[in-house]
Amino acid sequence: MQTVAKTSEIPNFGKKVVSVSGREILLINIKGTFFAVENECPHQGSPMGAALVKDGYIACPRHGYRFTLADGKCAEHPEFVLTTFPVRLNGEEILVELA
């Protein structure tokens, strides 16, 4: 796992884009639970940094496709899955596993 940010850098219900091993990863904080997803919608590649986060899902800002934060699945369009990454906290450090 790689350290990618500190918890203090992402406020509650906030997002932050980080670059990890040449990939853009979007970090999301929901009441102290952190998620990491690919910063590119699998539908048409739109950046997810401006996406709406609500009720355990993230919605693409371009077409509104909703992906669950836990596993990246899209109920309305199951052929599209947003890549998610395991996250672990080590004190204030946010660690993400890309493999």
Protein backbone atom coordinates (compact mmCIF):
# COMPACT_ATOMS: atom_id res chain seq x y z
CA MET A 1 0.00 0.00 0.00
CA GLN A 2 1.16 3.52 -0.76
CA THR A 3 0.66 6.63 1.36
CA VAL A 4 -1.23 9.09 -0.85
CA ALA A 5 -2.51 11.86 1.47
CA LYS A 6 -3.33 12.82 5.04
CA THR A 7 -6.84 12.63 6.47
CA SER A 8 -6.68 16.33 7.36
CA GLU A 9 -6.35 17.18 3.64
CA ILE A 10 -9.87 15.89 2.85
CA PRO A 11 -12.73 17.42 4.83
CA ASN A 12 -15.94 15.56 5.62
CA PHE A 13 -17.81 14.94 2.33
CA GLY A 14 -14.74 16.29 0.52
CA LYS A 15 -12.72 14.94 -2.41
CA LYS A 16 -9.10 15.17 -3.49
CA VAL A 17 -7.39 13.99 -6.68
CA VAL A 18 -3.94 12.47 -6.22
CA SER A 19 -1.48 10.92 -8.65
CA VAL A 20 -0.26 7.45 -7.69
CA SER A 21 2.14 5.52 -9.94
CA GLY A 22 0.99 7.52 -12.96
CA ARG A 23 -2.73 7.07 -12.23
CA GLU A 24 -5.17 9.72 -11.07
CA ILE A 25 -7.04 8.52 -8.00
CA LEU A 26 -9.96 10.34 -6.40
CA LEU A 27 -10.05 10.16 -2.61
CA ILE A 28 -13.38 10.71 -0.87
CA ASN A 29 -14.16 11.25 2.82
CA ILE A 30 -17.63 10.28 4.05
CA LYS A 31 -17.86 10.88 7.80
CA GLY A 32 -14.33 9.60 8.37
CA THR A 33 -14.61 6.62 6.03
CA PHE A 34 -12.28 7.05 3.08
CA PHE A 35 -12.76 5.67 -0.42
CA ALA A 36 -10.44 5.64 -3.44
CA VAL A 37 -11.70 5.38 -7.03
CA GLU A 38 -10.28 5.91 -10.50
CA ASN A 39 -10.63 9.57 -11.45
CA GLU A 40 -12.17 8.65 -14.80
CA CYS A 41 -15.72 7.56 -15.52
CA PRO A 42 -15.75 4.17 -17.30
CA HIS A 43 -18.58 5.39 -19.57
CA GLN A 44 -16.78 8.15 -21.52
CA GLY A 45 -13.72 9.04 -19.45
CA SER A 46 -15.04 12.15 -17.74
CA PRO A 47 -12.99 13.25 -14.70
CA MET A 48 -14.79 12.32 -11.49
CA GLY A 49 -13.35 15.17 -9.39
CA ALA A 50 -16.49 17.28 -9.94
CA ALA A 51 -18.82 14.33 -9.27
CA LEU A 52 -21.66 14.44 -6.75
CA VAL A 53 -21.15 12.17 -3.75
CA LYS A 54 -24.30 11.14 -1.88
CA ASP A 55 -25.80 8.16 -0.02
CA GLY A 56 -22.87 5.81 -0.69
CA TYR A 57 -22.50 6.52 -4.38
CA ILE A 58 -20.66 8.87 -6.72
CA ALA A 59 -22.41 10.30 -9.79
CA CYS A 60 -20.50 11.18 -12.94
CA PRO A 61 -20.74 14.94 -13.58
CA ARG A 62 -21.24 14.45 -17.34
CA HIS A 63 -24.11 11.94 -17.65
CA GLY A 64 -25.06 11.18 -14.05
CA TYR A 65 -24.13 7.49 -14.03
CA ARG A 66 -24.12 6.47 -10.34
CA PHE A 67 -21.43 4.14 -9.01
CA THR A 68 -21.39 2.68 -5.50
CA LEU A 69 -18.33 3.75 -3.56
CA ALA A 70 -17.90 0.30 -2.01
CA ASP A 71 -17.48 -1.68 -5.24
CA GLY A 72 -17.83 0.72 -8.20
CA LYS A 73 -20.91 -1.00 -9.63
CA CYS A 74 -23.53 0.95 -11.58
CA ALA A 75 -27.05 -0.45 -11.06
CA GLU A 76 -28.55 1.42 -14.04
CA HIS A 77 -25.74 0.39 -16.43
CA PRO A 78 -24.10 -2.81 -15.11
CA GLU A 79 -21.71 -2.93 -18.08
CA PHE A 80 -19.81 0.02 -16.53
CA VAL A 81 -17.84 -0.46 -13.32
CA LEU A 82 -15.77 2.30 -11.75
CA THR A 83 -12.42 0.98 -10.51
CA THR A 84 -12.17 1.14 -6.72
CA PHE A 85 -9.09 0.63 -4.56
CA PRO A 86 -8.67 -0.69 -1.00
CA VAL A 87 -7.97 2.06 1.53
CA ARG A 88 -6.39 1.78 4.95
CA LEU A 89 -5.61 4.44 7.53
CA ASN A 90 -2.35 4.51 9.46
CA GLY A 91 -2.81 7.31 11.96
CA GLU A 92 -3.39 10.37 9.77
CA GLU A 93 -1.97 8.75 6.63
CA ILE A 94 -4.27 7.44 3.90
CA LEU A 95 -2.85 4.35 2.21
CA VAL A 96 -4.17 2.96 -1.09
CA GLU A 97 -3.51 -0.42 -2.73
CA LEU A 98 -3.34 -0.20 -6.52
CA ALA A 99 -2.60 -3.87 -7.31
